[in-house]
């Protein structure tokens, strides 16, 4: 009888443990295991980011906006870029309200990623203000919602120009600085659509696949610079205003 009770308790305990494991997996289903490990046992971000110069593109809304707030709380010095300078000023104002940063700790820099001829001057502006760039966060870009058969090819050119060519153009100028310093981090916000396909987003998926291929290849070219990290982040669906500014069938829309 005692043996039978012990067996029942063991089975019940095993079932409960299995249930808890599945619940944990469900709660953290989109988590990267290395990040989950670092979250628990790694260095704390407030120790690593305080005083670092972080340049965030696409900082006027969505992921870039929220990232700017979190970086400000952690004491990072910020260069925030996007096309809409008024929105950047709004983001800067909130960053100052929620952190101990001062006015000079946040540089607002209007930047159009499709205007590649402006990228060198923009990089020099950040370097003139802060003297260095520790981390570049390539976050700027637009999504797409249209069927391929209905979409003008000019839309695909525009998507590639913004999401891909604009991103690698800015990276080129910042990377030159990081190579001189022999350290830095290039973080690119890609997407799960950069590693899979999805309907109504053929151009967007193509641009994100291009980023994945480019930065995976770039990483192999920087083996002589072990202190320069090339990192891609592939978020899934995010609650933001990105859907309100997507590419559709025609550029005029």
C-alpha atoms as a PDB file:
ATOM      1  CA  UNK A   1       0.000   0.000   0.000  1.00  0.00           C
ATOM      2  CA  UNK A   2       2.745   2.457   0.968  1.00  0.00           C
ATOM      3  CA  UNK A   3       4.627   1.577  -2.196  1.00  0.00           C
ATOM      4  CA  UNK A   4       1.522   2.219  -4.276  1.00  0.00           C
ATOM      5  CA  UNK A   5       0.933   5.608  -2.628  1.00  0.00           C
ATOM      6  CA  UNK A   6       4.534   6.606  -3.228  1.00  0.00           C
ATOM      7  CA  UNK A   7       4.225   5.650  -6.888  1.00  0.00           C
ATOM      8  CA  UNK A   8       1.040   7.678  -7.257  1.00  0.00           C
ATOM      9  CA  UNK A   9       2.675  10.696  -5.633  1.00  0.00           C
ATOM     10  CA  UNK A  10       5.705  10.346  -7.897  1.00  0.00           C
ATOM     11  CA  UNK A  11       3.510  10.149 -10.993  1.00  0.00           C
ATOM     12  CA  UNK A  12       1.461  13.144  -9.858  1.00  0.00           C
ATOM     13  CA  UNK A  13       4.623  15.100  -9.132  1.00  0.00           C
ATOM     14  CA  UNK A  14       6.047  14.217 -12.533  1.00  0.00           C
ATOM     15  CA  UNK A  15       2.846  15.272 -14.264  1.00  0.00           C
ATOM     16  CA  UNK A  16       2.813  18.565 -12.367  1.00  0.00           C
ATOM     17  CA  UNK A  17       6.446  19.212 -13.257  1.00  0.00           C
ATOM     18  CA  UNK A  18       5.760  18.463 -16.923  1.00  0.00           C
ATOM     19  CA  UNK A  19       2.795  20.848 -16.829  1.00  0.00           C
ATOM     20  CA  UNK A  20       4.920  23.601 -15.290  1.00  0.00           C
ATOM     21  CA  UNK A  21       7.633  23.080 -17.912  1.00  0.00           C
ATOM     22  CA  UNK A  22       5.072  23.352 -20.720  1.00  0.00           C
ATOM     23  CA  UNK A  23       3.584  26.465 -19.132  1.00  0.00           C
ATOM     24  CA  UNK A  24       7.027  28.049 -18.921  1.00  0.00           C
ATOM     25  CA  UNK A  25       7.728  27.147 -22.552  1.00  0.00           C
ATOM     26  CA  UNK A  26       4.413  28.701 -23.580  1.00  0.00           C
ATOM     27  CA  UNK A  27       5.094  31.895 -21.638  1.00  0.00           C
ATOM     28  CA  UNK A  28       8.576  32.246 -23.126  1.00  0.00           C
ATOM     29  CA  UNK A  29       7.823  30.711 -26.520  1.00  0.00           C
ATOM     30  CA  UNK A  30       9.362  33.567 -28.492  1.00  0.00           C
ATOM     31  CA  UNK A  31      12.430  33.798 -26.251  1.00  0.00           C
ATOM     32  CA  UNK A  32      15.979  33.169 -27.411  1.00  0.00           C
ATOM     33  CA  UNK A  33      17.604  30.644 -25.074  1.00  0.00           C
ATOM     34  CA  UNK A  34      20.908  32.523 -24.982  1.00  0.00           C
ATOM     35  CA  UNK A  35      19.061  35.715 -24.053  1.00  0.00           C
ATOM     36  CA  UNK A  36      17.051  33.929 -21.398  1.00  0.00           C
ATOM     37  CA  UNK A  37      20.310  32.599 -19.938  1.00  0.00           C
ATOM     38  CA  UNK A  38      21.871  36.075 -20.042  1.00  0.00           C
ATOM     39  CA  UNK A  39      18.768  37.571 -18.435  1.00  0.00           C
ATOM     40  CA  UNK A  40      19.189  35.289 -15.445  1.00  0.00           C
ATOM     41  CA  UNK A  41      22.955  34.909 -15.139  1.00  0.00           C
ATOM     42  CA  UNK A  42      24.530  37.463 -17.498  1.00  0.00           C
ATOM     43  CA  UNK A  43      25.786  40.991 -16.913  1.00  0.00           C
ATOM     44  CA  UNK A  44      23.077  43.501 -16.091  1.00  0.00           C
ATOM     45  CA  UNK A  45      22.313  46.004 -18.894  1.00  0.00           C
ATOM     46  CA  UNK A  46      22.569  48.976 -16.560  1.00  0.00           C
ATOM     47  CA  UNK A  47      26.200  48.056 -15.946  1.00  0.00           C
ATOM     48  CA  UNK A  48      26.970  47.568 -19.635  1.00  0.00           C
ATOM     49  CA  UNK A  49      25.106  50.493 -21.220  1.00  0.00           C
ATOM     50  CA  UNK A  50      25.582  53.419 -18.867  1.00  0.00           C
ATOM     51  CA  UNK A  51      27.615  56.075 -20.653  1.00  0.00           C
ATOM     52  CA  UNK A  52      27.672  54.177 -23.968  1.00  0.00           C
ATOM     53  CA  UNK A  53      26.758  56.109 -27.112  1.00  0.00           C
ATOM     54  CA  UNK A  54      23.864  54.368 -28.865  1.00  0.00           C
ATOM     55  CA  UNK A  55      22.547  55.544 -32.238  1.00  0.00           C
ATOM     56  CA  UNK A  56      18.969  54.385 -32.887  1.00  0.00           C
ATOM     57  CA  UNK A  57      17.403  54.841 -36.321  1.00  0.00           C
ATOM     58  CA  UNK A  58      13.641  54.786 -36.761  1.00  0.00           C
ATOM     59  CA  UNK A  59      13.374  56.216 -33.257  1.00  0.00           C
ATOM     60  CA  UNK A  60      10.243  58.310 -33.766  1.00  0.00           C
ATOM     61  CA  UNK A  61       7.799  55.426 -33.246  1.00  0.00           C
ATOM     62  CA  UNK A  62       7.388  51.715 -32.599  1.00  0.00           C
ATOM     63  CA  UNK A  63      10.332  49.600 -31.510  1.00  0.00           C
ATOM     64  CA  UNK A  64      12.809  52.444 -31.949  1.00  0.00           C
ATOM     65  CA  UNK A  65      10.815  54.784 -29.728  1.00  0.00           C
ATOM     66  CA  UNK A  66      10.388  52.276 -26.912  1.00  0.00           C
ATOM     67  CA  UNK A  67      14.021  51.216 -27.184  1.00  0.00           C
ATOM     68  CA  UNK A  68      15.078  54.844 -26.785  1.00  0.00           C
ATOM     69  CA  UNK A  69      13.100  55.098 -23.542  1.00  0.00           C
ATOM     70  CA  UNK A  70      14.612  51.919 -22.129  1.00  0.00           C
ATOM     71  CA  UNK A  71      18.144  52.950 -23.108  1.00  0.00           C
ATOM     72  CA  UNK A  72      17.628  56.368 -21.517  1.00  0.00           C
ATOM     73  CA  UNK A  73      16.561  54.728 -18.248  1.00  0.00           C
ATOM     74  CA  UNK A  74      19.760  52.662 -18.336  1.00  0.00           C
ATOM     75  CA  UNK A  75      21.917  55.758 -18.739  1.00  0.00           C
ATOM     76  CA  UNK A  76      22.968  55.354 -22.376  1.00  0.00           C
ATOM     77  CA  UNK A  77      23.818  58.494 -24.353  1.00  0.00           C
ATOM     78  CA  UNK A  78      21.465  58.661 -27.318  1.00  0.00           C
ATOM     79  CA  UNK A  79      21.505  59.735 -30.932  1.00  0.00           C
ATOM     80  CA  UNK A  80      17.956  59.286 -32.214  1.00  0.00           C
ATOM     81  CA  UNK A  81      17.149  59.498 -35.909  1.00  0.00           C
ATOM     82  CA  UNK A  82      14.112  59.402 -38.178  1.00  0.00           C
ATOM     83  CA  UNK A  83      12.529  61.556 -40.874  1.00  0.00           C
ATOM     84  CA  UNK A  84      10.053  63.295 -38.543  1.00  0.00           C
ATOM     85  CA  UNK A  85      12.039  65.679 -36.388  1.00  0.00           C
ATOM     86  CA  UNK A  86       8.985  66.838 -34.434  1.00  0.00           C
ATOM     87  CA  UNK A  87       8.336  63.264 -33.312  1.00  0.00           C
ATOM     88  CA  UNK A  88      11.995  62.850 -32.375  1.00  0.00           C
ATOM     89  CA  UNK A  89      11.746  65.946 -30.181  1.00  0.00           C
ATOM     90  CA  UNK A  90       8.734  64.380 -28.475  1.00  0.00           C
ATOM     91  CA  UNK A  91      10.716  61.190 -27.845  1.00  0.00           C
ATOM     92  CA  UNK A  92      13.658  63.196 -26.519  1.00  0.00           C
ATOM     93  CA  UNK A  93      11.413  65.132 -24.143  1.00  0.00           C
ATOM     94  CA  UNK A  94      10.029  61.924 -22.658  1.00  0.00           C
ATOM     95  CA  UNK A  95      13.518  60.404 -22.408  1.00  0.00           C
ATOM     96  CA  UNK A  96      14.596  63.384 -20.327  1.00  0.00           C
ATOM     97  CA  UNK A  97      11.519  63.064 -18.118  1.00  0.00           C
ATOM     98  CA  UNK A  98      12.042  59.387 -17.293  1.00  0.00           C
ATOM     99  CA  UNK A  99      15.813  59.358 -16.876  1.00  0.00           C
ATOM    100  CA  UNK A 100      18.705  61.243 -15.344  1.00  0.00           C
ATOM    101  CA  UNK A 101      20.050  62.267 -18.766  1.00  0.00           C
ATOM    102  CA  UNK A 102      20.671  65.921 -19.542  1.00  0.00           C
ATOM    103  CA  UNK A 103      19.777  67.881 -22.673  1.00  0.00           C
ATOM    104  CA  UNK A 104      23.203  67.349 -24.204  1.00  0.00           C
ATOM    105  CA  UNK A 105      23.052  63.588 -23.640  1.00  0.00           C
ATOM    106  CA  UNK A 106      20.468  63.129 -26.408  1.00  0.00           C
ATOM    107  CA  UNK A 107      21.136  64.200 -29.993  1.00  0.00           C
ATOM    108  CA  UNK A 108      18.147  64.552 -32.310  1.00  0.00           C
ATOM    109  CA  UNK A 109      19.242  63.966 -35.890  1.00  0.00           C
ATOM    110  CA  UNK A 110      16.810  64.067 -38.796  1.00  0.00           C
ATOM    111  CA  UNK A 111      17.742  61.278 -41.199  1.00  0.00           C
ATOM    112  CA  UNK A 112      16.213  59.827 -44.344  1.00  0.00           C
ATOM    113  CA  UNK A 113      17.738  56.393 -44.911  1.00  0.00           C
ATOM    114  CA  UNK A 114      16.915  56.581 -48.622  1.00  0.00           C
ATOM    115  CA  UNK A 115      19.109  59.689 -48.960  1.00  0.00           C
ATOM    116  CA  UNK A 116      22.360  57.756 -48.914  1.00  0.00           C
ATOM    117  CA  UNK A 117      24.441  60.808 -49.780  1.00  0.00           C
ATOM    118  CA  UNK A 118      23.578  62.228 -46.334  1.00  0.00           C
ATOM    119  CA  UNK A 119      24.803  59.256 -44.305  1.00  0.00           C
ATOM    120  CA  UNK A 120      28.448  60.266 -44.041  1.00  0.00           C
ATOM    121  CA  UNK A 121      27.524  63.741 -42.787  1.00  0.00           C
ATOM    122  CA  UNK A 122      25.044  62.251 -40.312  1.00  0.00           C
ATOM    123  CA  UNK A 123      27.709  59.913 -38.946  1.00  0.00           C
ATOM    124  CA  UNK A 124      30.120  62.806 -38.594  1.00  0.00           C
ATOM    125  CA  UNK A 125      27.461  64.792 -36.710  1.00  0.00           C
ATOM    126  CA  UNK A 126      27.096  62.031 -34.131  1.00  0.00           C
ATOM    127  CA  UNK A 127      30.874  61.712 -33.799  1.00  0.00           C
ATOM    128  CA  UNK A 128      31.266  65.471 -33.432  1.00  0.00           C
ATOM    129  CA  UNK A 129      28.653  65.540 -30.669  1.00  0.00           C
ATOM    130  CA  UNK A 130      29.721  62.476 -28.680  1.00  0.00           C
ATOM    131  CA  UNK A 131      33.218  61.688 -29.935  1.00  0.00           C
ATOM    132  CA  UNK A 132      32.368  58.023 -30.530  1.00  0.00           C
ATOM    133  CA  UNK A 133      29.641  55.549 -31.470  1.00  0.00           C
ATOM    134  CA  UNK A 134      29.541  52.426 -29.324  1.00  0.00           C
ATOM    135  CA  UNK A 135      26.363  50.857 -30.685  1.00  0.00           C
ATOM    136  CA  UNK A 136      24.418  51.365 -33.906  1.00  0.00           C
ATOM    137  CA  UNK A 137      20.834  50.100 -33.848  1.00  0.00           C
ATOM    138  CA  UNK A 138      19.555  49.737 -37.414  1.00  0.00           C
ATOM    139  CA  UNK A 139      15.837  49.934 -36.757  1.00  0.00           C
ATOM    140  CA  UNK A 140      14.468  52.211 -39.490  1.00  0.00           C
ATOM    141  CA  UNK A 141      12.249  50.726 -42.186  1.00  0.00           C
ATOM    142  CA  UNK A 142       8.704  50.130 -43.452  1.00  0.00           C
ATOM    143  CA  UNK A 143       6.512  47.093 -43.835  1.00  0.00           C
ATOM    144  CA  UNK A 144       4.249  46.079 -46.730  1.00  0.00           C
ATOM    145  CA  UNK A 145       0.695  44.832 -47.181  1.00  0.00           C
ATOM    146  CA  UNK A 146      -0.144  43.941 -50.791  1.00  0.00           C
ATOM    147  CA  UNK A 147      -0.367  40.951 -53.105  1.00  0.00           C
ATOM    148  CA  UNK A 148       2.545  40.494 -55.490  1.00  0.00           C
ATOM    149  CA  UNK A 149       0.302  40.277 -58.567  1.00  0.00           C
ATOM    150  CA  UNK A 150      -1.250  43.650 -57.694  1.00  0.00           C
ATOM    151  CA  UNK A 151       1.942  45.479 -56.716  1.00  0.00           C
ATOM    152  CA  UNK A 152       3.924  47.830 -58.935  1.00  0.00           C
ATOM    153  CA  UNK A 153       7.625  46.947 -59.172  1.00  0.00           C
ATOM    154  CA  UNK A 154       8.479  50.506 -58.104  1.00  0.00           C
ATOM    155  CA  UNK A 155       7.204  49.527 -54.656  1.00  0.00           C
ATOM    156  CA  UNK A 156       9.770  46.734 -54.480  1.00  0.00           C
ATOM    157  CA  UNK A 157      12.539  49.142 -55.455  1.00  0.00           C
ATOM    158  CA  UNK A 158      11.439  51.516 -52.698  1.00  0.00           C
ATOM    159  CA  UNK A 159      11.324  48.751 -50.078  1.00  0.00           C
ATOM    160  CA  UNK A 160      14.815  47.531 -50.949  1.00  0.00           C
ATOM    161  CA  UNK A 161      16.155  51.083 -51.059  1.00  0.00           C
ATOM    162  CA  UNK A 162      14.857  51.872 -47.573  1.00  0.00           C
ATOM    163  CA  UNK A 163      14.999  48.626 -45.634  1.00  0.00           C
ATOM    164  CA  UNK A 164      18.146  47.166 -47.175  1.00  0.00           C
ATOM    165  CA  UNK A 165      20.357  49.629 -49.076  1.00  0.00           C
ATOM    166  CA  UNK A 166      19.721  52.511 -46.675  1.00  0.00           C
ATOM    167  CA  UNK A 167      20.593  50.312 -43.722  1.00  0.00           C
ATOM    168  CA  UNK A 168      23.840  48.928 -45.125  1.00  0.00           C
ATOM    169  CA  UNK A 169      24.864  52.385 -46.367  1.00  0.00           C
ATOM    170  CA  UNK A 170      24.667  53.877 -42.877  1.00  0.00           C
ATOM    171  CA  UNK A 171      26.349  50.795 -41.446  1.00  0.00           C
ATOM    172  CA  UNK A 172      29.303  51.269 -43.786  1.00  0.00           C
ATOM    173  CA  UNK A 173      30.128  54.725 -42.410  1.00  0.00           C
ATOM    174  CA  UNK A 174      29.647  53.738 -38.780  1.00  0.00           C
ATOM    175  CA  UNK A 175      31.649  50.547 -39.246  1.00  0.00           C
ATOM    176  CA  UNK A 176      34.637  52.526 -40.520  1.00  0.00           C
ATOM    177  CA  UNK A 177      34.669  54.338 -37.178  1.00  0.00           C
ATOM    178  CA  UNK A 178      34.312  51.104 -35.218  1.00  0.00           C
ATOM    179  CA  UNK A 179      37.183  49.509 -37.128  1.00  0.00           C
ATOM    180  CA  UNK A 180      39.375  52.481 -36.211  1.00  0.00           C
ATOM    181  CA  UNK A 181      38.450  51.954 -32.549  1.00  0.00           C
ATOM    182  CA  UNK A 182      38.549  48.156 -32.944  1.00  0.00           C
ATOM    183  CA  UNK A 183      35.306  47.806 -31.040  1.00  0.00           C
ATOM    184  CA  UNK A 184      31.581  48.413 -31.309  1.00  0.00           C
ATOM    185  CA  UNK A 185      28.251  46.718 -31.820  1.00  0.00           C
ATOM    186  CA  UNK A 186      26.031  46.767 -34.900  1.00  0.00           C
ATOM    187  CA  UNK A 187      22.499  45.695 -34.010  1.00  0.00           C
ATOM    188  CA  UNK A 188      19.975  45.283 -36.810  1.00  0.00           C
ATOM    189  CA  UNK A 189      16.277  44.902 -36.137  1.00  0.00           C
ATOM    190  CA  UNK A 190      15.242  42.376 -38.766  1.00  0.00           C
ATOM    191  CA  UNK A 191      12.067  40.305 -38.402  1.00  0.00           C
ATOM    192  CA  UNK A 192      10.802  36.756 -38.223  1.00  0.00           C
ATOM    193  CA  UNK A 193       9.919  37.487 -41.834  1.00  0.00           C
ATOM    194  CA  UNK A 194      13.654  37.586 -42.463  1.00  0.00           C
ATOM    195  CA  UNK A 195      13.797  33.856 -41.773  1.00  0.00           C
ATOM    196  CA  UNK A 196      10.415  32.769 -43.168  1.00  0.00           C
ATOM    197  CA  UNK A 197       7.806  33.853 -45.688  1.00  0.00           C
ATOM    198  CA  UNK A 198       4.381  35.444 -45.305  1.00  0.00           C
ATOM    199  CA  UNK A 199       1.539  36.479 -47.626  1.00  0.00           C
ATOM    200  CA  UNK A 200       1.013  40.151 -48.506  1.00  0.00           C
ATOM    201  CA  UNK A 201       4.654  40.908 -47.638  1.00  0.00           C
ATOM    202  CA  UNK A 202       6.805  39.577 -50.468  1.00  0.00           C
ATOM    203  CA  UNK A 203       8.868  42.755 -50.738  1.00  0.00           C
ATOM    204  CA  UNK A 204       9.185  43.215 -46.992  1.00  0.00           C
ATOM    205  CA  UNK A 205      10.244  39.585 -46.522  1.00  0.00           C
ATOM    206  CA  UNK A 206      12.773  39.932 -49.332  1.00  0.00           C
ATOM    207  CA  UNK A 207      14.302  43.037 -47.741  1.00  0.00           C
ATOM    208  CA  UNK A 208      14.592  41.341 -44.348  1.00  0.00           C
ATOM    209  CA  UNK A 209      16.069  38.179 -45.888  1.00  0.00           C
ATOM    210  CA  UNK A 210      18.600  40.453 -47.601  1.00  0.00           C
ATOM    211  CA  UNK A 211      19.533  41.992 -44.250  1.00  0.00           C
ATOM    212  CA  UNK A 212      19.968  38.555 -42.714  1.00  0.00           C
ATOM    213  CA  UNK A 213      22.243  37.429 -45.525  1.00  0.00           C
ATOM    214  CA  UNK A 214      24.247  40.641 -45.529  1.00  0.00           C
ATOM    215  CA  UNK A 215      24.929  40.838 -41.810  1.00  0.00           C
ATOM    216  CA  UNK A 216      25.604  37.111 -41.475  1.00  0.00           C
ATOM    217  CA  UNK A 217      28.220  37.544 -44.199  1.00  0.00           C
ATOM    218  CA  UNK A 218      29.589  40.771 -42.721  1.00  0.00           C
ATOM    219  CA  UNK A 219      30.176  38.996 -39.433  1.00  0.00           C
ATOM    220  CA  UNK A 220      32.550  36.587 -41.176  1.00  0.00           C
ATOM    221  CA  UNK A 221      34.516  39.513 -42.629  1.00  0.00           C
ATOM    222  CA  UNK A 222      35.202  40.971 -39.191  1.00  0.00           C
ATOM    223  CA  UNK A 223      37.021  38.052 -37.597  1.00  0.00           C
ATOM    224  CA  UNK A 224      40.112  40.257 -37.215  1.00  0.00           C
ATOM    225  CA  UNK A 225      38.050  42.520 -34.934  1.00  0.00           C
ATOM    226  CA  UNK A 226      36.703  40.291 -32.148  1.00  0.00           C
ATOM    227  CA  UNK A 227      35.439  43.322 -30.210  1.00  0.00           C
ATOM    228  CA  UNK A 228      33.081  44.310 -33.049  1.00  0.00           C
ATOM    229  CA  UNK A 229      29.795  42.427 -32.747  1.00  0.00           C
ATOM    230  CA  UNK A 230      27.229  42.022 -35.514  1.00  0.00           C
ATOM    231  CA  UNK A 231      23.812  41.150 -34.110  1.00  0.00           C
ATOM    232  CA  UNK A 232      20.423  40.598 -35.725  1.00  0.00           C
ATOM    233  CA  UNK A 233      17.147  40.686 -33.821  1.00  0.00           C
ATOM    234  CA  UNK A 234      14.104  38.987 -35.358  1.00  0.00           C
ATOM    235  CA  UNK A 235      10.984  40.117 -33.488  1.00  0.00           C
ATOM    236  CA  UNK A 236       7.553  38.726 -34.210  1.00  0.00           C
ATOM    237  CA  UNK A 237       4.360  40.811 -34.188  1.00  0.00           C
ATOM    238  CA  UNK A 238       4.734  44.032 -32.205  1.00  0.00           C
ATOM    239  CA  UNK A 239       1.931  46.361 -31.178  1.00  0.00           C
ATOM    240  CA  UNK A 240       2.874  49.616 -32.893  1.00  0.00           C
ATOM    241  CA  UNK A 241       1.767  52.001 -35.637  1.00  0.00           C
ATOM    242  CA  UNK A 242       3.795  50.211 -38.332  1.00  0.00           C
ATOM    243  CA  UNK A 243       0.647  49.006 -40.096  1.00  0.00           C
ATOM    244  CA  UNK A 244      -0.476  52.618 -40.621  1.00  0.00           C
ATOM    245  CA  UNK A 245       2.540  53.437 -42.771  1.00  0.00           C
ATOM    246  CA  UNK A 246       3.037  50.331 -44.894  1.00  0.00           C
ATOM    247  CA  UNK A 247       3.857  50.067 -48.580  1.00  0.00           C
ATOM    248  CA  UNK A 248       0.846  48.972 -50.644  1.00  0.00           C
ATOM    249  CA  UNK A 249       0.228  48.318 -54.364  1.00  0.00           C
ATOM    250  CA  UNK A 250       1.409  51.737 -55.533  1.00  0.00           C
ATOM    251  CA  UNK A 251       3.858  54.268 -54.137  1.00  0.00           C
ATOM    252  CA  UNK A 252       1.211  56.978 -54.381  1.00  0.00           C
ATOM    253  CA  UNK A 253      -0.975  55.262 -51.783  1.00  0.00           C
END
